[in-house]
Amino acid sequence: MAEKVIVTNRRARRDYHVLERFEAGIELRGTEVKSLREGTITLKDSYADVEHGELLLVGAHIAPYEKGNIYNHDPERPRRLLMHKREIRRLGAQVAEKGLTLIPLRLYFVRGKVKVEVGLCRGKQSIDKRATIREREVKREMERHIKQAKAK
């Protein structure tokens, strides 16, 4: 299964601890798929929400298709995510009880179908963000020293 990644939500990994990941289909209109093939989507400030037993992607901006004229879609409309009902109920319960959030991590094509990787996330504190940055810098320094040692 070759995946063609459309977009990744790098901000989600910076602002949240990802506890679990789920794959979901997404219900789209024709011009939205064409627009996604061009890569015109932003996941900034988007999240998934459980309403009336359905999982919805809210806040994702898919730009209108340039050649779509009257058939174009509303760029910020809520889009239904397709998962099994029991999975949706379980996610809804976890979000309600534990104060977790469902964040889209990336969109990609699998065999011509658009899929969304949704993460069950807990928000990071600013201290956690600094610790993550520090760990990344230490790792870079170690790799640099190892590379210099091998070169000698």
C-alpha atoms as a PDB file:
ATOM      1  CA  MET A   1       0.000   0.000   0.000  1.00  0.00           C
ATOM      2  CA  ALA A   2       1.715   3.118  -1.206  1.00  0.00           C
ATOM      3  CA  GLU A   3       0.717   6.232   0.688  1.00  0.00           C
ATOM      4  CA  LYS A   4       0.938   9.694  -0.804  1.00  0.00           C
ATOM      5  CA  VAL A   5       1.002  12.202   2.049  1.00  0.00           C
ATOM      6  CA  ILE A   6      -1.042  15.336   1.358  1.00  0.00           C
ATOM      7  CA  VAL A   7      -0.273  17.297   4.528  1.00  0.00           C
ATOM      8  CA  THR A   8       1.077  16.717   8.038  1.00  0.00           C
ATOM      9  CA  ASN A   9       0.101  18.707  11.098  1.00  0.00           C
ATOM     10  CA  ARG A  10       3.505  19.586  12.570  1.00  0.00           C
ATOM     11  CA  ARG A  11       1.950  21.958  15.089  1.00  0.00           C
ATOM     12  CA  ALA A  12       0.046  19.051  16.673  1.00  0.00           C
ATOM     13  CA  ARG A  13       3.269  17.262  17.584  1.00  0.00           C
ATOM     14  CA  ARG A  14       4.631  20.443  19.114  1.00  0.00           C
ATOM     15  CA  ASP A  15       1.554  21.353  21.160  1.00  0.00           C
ATOM     16  CA  TYR A  16       0.228  17.914  22.160  1.00  0.00           C
ATOM     17  CA  HIS A  17       1.323  14.541  23.523  1.00  0.00           C
ATOM     18  CA  VAL A  18      -0.070  11.955  21.088  1.00  0.00           C
ATOM     19  CA  LEU A  19      -1.387   9.014  23.108  1.00  0.00           C
ATOM     20  CA  GLU A  20      -3.058   6.923  20.379  1.00  0.00           C
ATOM     21  CA  ARG A  21      -3.425   7.102  16.593  1.00  0.00           C
ATOM     22  CA  PHE A  22      -6.416   6.071  14.473  1.00  0.00           C
ATOM     23  CA  GLU A  23      -7.051   5.922  10.736  1.00  0.00           C
ATOM     24  CA  ALA A  24     -10.364   7.258   9.460  1.00  0.00           C
ATOM     25  CA  GLY A  25     -11.889   7.827   6.066  1.00  0.00           C
ATOM     26  CA  ILE A  26     -13.304  11.239   5.239  1.00  0.00           C
ATOM     27  CA  GLU A  27     -16.502  12.172   3.418  1.00  0.00           C
ATOM     28  CA  LEU A  28     -15.645  14.702   0.697  1.00  0.00           C
ATOM     29  CA  ARG A  29     -17.292  16.354  -2.282  1.00  0.00           C
ATOM     30  CA  GLY A  30     -15.854  16.129  -5.807  1.00  0.00           C
ATOM     31  CA  THR A  31     -14.107  19.489  -5.938  1.00  0.00           C
ATOM     32  CA  GLU A  32     -12.608  18.897  -2.491  1.00  0.00           C
ATOM     33  CA  VAL A  33     -10.802  15.784  -3.725  1.00  0.00           C
ATOM     34  CA  LYS A  34      -9.443  17.706  -6.732  1.00  0.00           C
ATOM     35  CA  SER A  35      -8.291  20.489  -4.434  1.00  0.00           C
ATOM     36  CA  LEU A  36      -6.588  17.955  -2.132  1.00  0.00           C
ATOM     37  CA  ARG A  37      -4.710  16.481  -5.099  1.00  0.00           C
ATOM     38  CA  GLU A  38      -3.210  19.964  -5.516  1.00  0.00           C
ATOM     39  CA  GLY A  39      -2.313  19.969  -1.789  1.00  0.00           C
ATOM     40  CA  THR A  40      -4.356  23.030  -0.817  1.00  0.00           C
ATOM     41  CA  ILE A  41      -5.356  22.211   2.755  1.00  0.00           C
ATOM     42  CA  THR A  42      -4.389  23.589   6.153  1.00  0.00           C
ATOM     43  CA  LEU A  43      -4.957  21.659   9.373  1.00  0.00           C
ATOM     44  CA  LYS A  44      -3.975  24.564  11.631  1.00  0.00           C
ATOM     45  CA  ASP A  45      -6.494  24.936  14.491  1.00  0.00           C
ATOM     46  CA  SER A  46      -8.505  21.916  13.297  1.00  0.00           C
ATOM     47  CA  TYR A  47      -9.815  19.169  15.553  1.00  0.00           C
ATOM     48  CA  ALA A  48     -12.228  16.229  15.483  1.00  0.00           C
ATOM     49  CA  ASP A  49     -15.399  16.255  17.544  1.00  0.00           C
ATOM     50  CA  VAL A  50     -18.071  13.665  18.338  1.00  0.00           C
ATOM     51  CA  GLU A  51     -21.592  15.017  17.753  1.00  0.00           C
ATOM     52  CA  HIS A  52     -24.767  12.901  17.667  1.00  0.00           C
ATOM     53  CA  GLY A  53     -22.770   9.687  17.293  1.00  0.00           C
ATOM     54  CA  GLU A  54     -20.755  11.021  14.334  1.00  0.00           C
ATOM     55  CA  LEU A  55     -17.112  12.035  14.206  1.00  0.00           C
ATOM     56  CA  LEU A  56     -16.617  15.416  12.500  1.00  0.00           C
ATOM     57  CA  LEU A  57     -13.464  17.181  11.326  1.00  0.00           C
ATOM     58  CA  VAL A  58     -13.906  20.834  12.273  1.00  0.00           C
ATOM     59  CA  GLY A  59     -11.742  23.792  11.238  1.00  0.00           C
ATOM     60  CA  ALA A  60      -9.814  22.178   8.378  1.00  0.00           C
ATOM     61  CA  HIS A  61      -9.552  24.606   5.457  1.00  0.00           C
ATOM     62  CA  ILE A  62      -9.635  23.037   1.982  1.00  0.00           C
ATOM     63  CA  ALA A  63      -9.211  25.838  -0.553  1.00  0.00           C
ATOM     64  CA  PRO A  64     -11.843  25.978  -3.317  1.00  0.00           C
ATOM     65  CA  TYR A  65     -10.854  24.197  -6.524  1.00  0.00           C
ATOM     66  CA  GLU A  66      -9.683  26.769  -9.044  1.00  0.00           C
ATOM     67  CA  LYS A  67     -11.676  25.336 -11.961  1.00  0.00           C
ATOM     68  CA  GLY A  68     -14.717  24.337  -9.917  1.00  0.00           C
ATOM     69  CA  ASN A  69     -16.959  27.408 -10.603  1.00  0.00           C
ATOM     70  CA  ILE A  70     -20.491  26.894  -9.181  1.00  0.00           C
ATOM     71  CA  TYR A  71     -19.732  23.368  -7.951  1.00  0.00           C
ATOM     72  CA  ASN A  72     -17.183  24.541  -5.396  1.00  0.00           C
ATOM     73  CA  HIS A  73     -17.585  23.766  -1.708  1.00  0.00           C
ATOM     74  CA  ASP A  74     -17.489  25.803   1.490  1.00  0.00           C
ATOM     75  CA  PRO A  75     -13.782  25.768   2.479  1.00  0.00           C
ATOM     76  CA  GLU A  76     -14.370  25.426   6.247  1.00  0.00           C
ATOM     77  CA  ARG A  77     -17.426  23.171   6.402  1.00  0.00           C
ATOM     78  CA  PRO A  78     -17.379  20.347   8.985  1.00  0.00           C
ATOM     79  CA  ARG A  79     -16.528  17.038   7.290  1.00  0.00           C
ATOM     80  CA  ARG A  80     -17.663  13.646   8.532  1.00  0.00           C
ATOM     81  CA  LEU A  81     -14.934  11.154   9.444  1.00  0.00           C
ATOM     82  CA  LEU A  82     -15.719   7.511   8.791  1.00  0.00           C
ATOM     83  CA  MET A  83     -14.956   5.034  11.579  1.00  0.00           C
ATOM     84  CA  HIS A  84     -16.774   2.115  13.205  1.00  0.00           C
ATOM     85  CA  LYS A  85     -19.536   3.180  15.577  1.00  0.00           C
ATOM     86  CA  ARG A  86     -17.992   1.467  18.614  1.00  0.00           C
ATOM     87  CA  GLU A  87     -14.654   3.241  17.987  1.00  0.00           C
ATOM     88  CA  ILE A  88     -16.456   6.588  17.772  1.00  0.00           C
ATOM     89  CA  ARG A  89     -18.310   5.888  21.046  1.00  0.00           C
ATOM     90  CA  ARG A  90     -15.060   4.895  22.786  1.00  0.00           C
ATOM     91  CA  LEU A  91     -13.263   8.030  21.559  1.00  0.00           C
ATOM     92  CA  GLY A  92     -16.198  10.216  22.567  1.00  0.00           C
ATOM     93  CA  ALA A  93     -16.151   8.747  26.082  1.00  0.00           C
ATOM     94  CA  GLN A  94     -12.394   9.283  26.444  1.00  0.00           C
ATOM     95  CA  VAL A  95     -12.628  12.880  25.239  1.00  0.00           C
ATOM     96  CA  ALA A  96     -15.526  13.622  27.623  1.00  0.00           C
ATOM     97  CA  GLU A  97     -14.055  11.913  30.709  1.00  0.00           C
ATOM     98  CA  LYS A  98     -10.327  12.530  30.572  1.00  0.00           C
ATOM     99  CA  GLY A  99     -10.206  15.949  28.915  1.00  0.00           C
ATOM    100  CA  LEU A 100      -8.375  14.674  25.847  1.00  0.00           C
ATOM    101  CA  THR A 101      -8.624  16.090  22.325  1.00  0.00           C
ATOM    102  CA  LEU A 102      -8.852  14.511  18.883  1.00  0.00           C
ATOM    103  CA  ILE A 103      -6.393  16.201  16.507  1.00  0.00           C
ATOM    104  CA  PRO A 104      -5.831  15.373  12.806  1.00  0.00           C
ATOM    105  CA  LEU A 105      -2.142  14.506  12.420  1.00  0.00           C
ATOM    106  CA  ARG A 106      -1.958  13.986   8.645  1.00  0.00           C
ATOM    107  CA  LEU A 107      -3.987  13.455   5.474  1.00  0.00           C
ATOM    108  CA  TYR A 108      -2.890  11.010   2.813  1.00  0.00           C
ATOM    109  CA  PHE A 109      -4.090   8.996  -0.183  1.00  0.00           C
ATOM    110  CA  VAL A 110      -4.273   5.185   0.008  1.00  0.00           C
ATOM    111  CA  ARG A 111      -5.369   3.490  -3.240  1.00  0.00           C
ATOM    112  CA  GLY A 112      -7.117   6.683  -4.381  1.00  0.00           C
ATOM    113  CA  LYS A 113      -9.017   7.216  -1.118  1.00  0.00           C
ATOM    114  CA  VAL A 114      -8.295  10.086   1.257  1.00  0.00           C
ATOM    115  CA  LYS A 115      -7.525   8.959   4.804  1.00  0.00           C
ATOM    116  CA  VAL A 116      -7.023  10.997   7.979  1.00  0.00           C
ATOM    117  CA  GLU A 117      -4.727   9.972  10.815  1.00  0.00           C
ATOM    118  CA  VAL A 118      -6.416  11.193  13.985  1.00  0.00           C
ATOM    119  CA  GLY A 119      -4.528  11.341  17.254  1.00  0.00           C
ATOM    120  CA  LEU A 120      -5.979  11.138  20.751  1.00  0.00           C
ATOM    121  CA  CYS A 121      -3.929  13.890  22.382  1.00  0.00           C
ATOM    122  CA  ARG A 122      -3.289  15.634  25.680  1.00  0.00           C
ATOM    123  CA  GLY A 123      -2.118  19.258  25.607  1.00  0.00           C
ATOM    124  CA  LYS A 124       1.494  20.057  26.494  1.00  0.00           C
ATOM    125  CA  GLN A 125       2.436  22.666  29.049  1.00  0.00           C
ATOM    126  CA  SER A 126       5.065  25.261  28.088  1.00  0.00           C
ATOM    127  CA  ILE A 127       7.563  23.389  30.316  1.00  0.00           C
ATOM    128  CA  ASP A 128       6.989  20.232  28.260  1.00  0.00           C
ATOM    129  CA  LYS A 129       7.582  22.168  25.038  1.00  0.00           C
ATOM    130  CA  ARG A 130      10.905  23.485  26.346  1.00  0.00           C
ATOM    131  CA  ALA A 131      11.925  19.973  27.423  1.00  0.00           C
ATOM    132  CA  THR A 132      11.139  18.635  23.944  1.00  0.00           C
ATOM    133  CA  ILE A 133      13.236  21.363  22.331  1.00  0.00           C
ATOM    134  CA  ARG A 134      16.099  20.690  24.778  1.00  0.00           C
ATOM    135  CA  GLU A 135      16.031  16.939  24.032  1.00  0.00           C
ATOM    136  CA  ARG A 136      16.139  17.622  20.296  1.00  0.00           C
ATOM    137  CA  GLU A 137      19.121  19.987  20.686  1.00  0.00           C
ATOM    138  CA  VAL A 138      21.018  17.483  22.873  1.00  0.00           C
ATOM    139  CA  LYS A 139      20.385  14.747  20.305  1.00  0.00           C
ATOM    140  CA  ARG A 140      21.719  17.020  17.522  1.00  0.00           C
ATOM    141  CA  GLU A 141      24.837  17.826  19.555  1.00  0.00           C
ATOM    142  CA  MET A 142      25.515  14.135  20.200  1.00  0.00           C
ATOM    143  CA  GLU A 143      25.140  13.294  16.514  1.00  0.00           C
ATOM    144  CA  ARG A 144      27.477  16.163  15.597  1.00  0.00           C
ATOM    145  CA  HIS A 145      30.143  14.941  18.038  1.00  0.00           C
ATOM    146  CA  ILE A 146      29.841  11.347  16.787  1.00  0.00           C
ATOM    147  CA  LYS A 147      30.178  12.532  13.198  1.00  0.00           C
ATOM    148  CA  GLN A 148      33.279  14.589  14.072  1.00  0.00           C
ATOM    149  CA  ALA A 149      34.813  11.628  15.950  1.00  0.00           C
ATOM    150  CA  LYS A 150      34.296   9.329  12.947  1.00  0.00           C
ATOM    151  CA  ALA A 151      35.862  11.901  10.607  1.00  0.00           C
ATOM    152  CA  LYS A 152      39.136  11.939  12.632  1.00  0.00           C
END
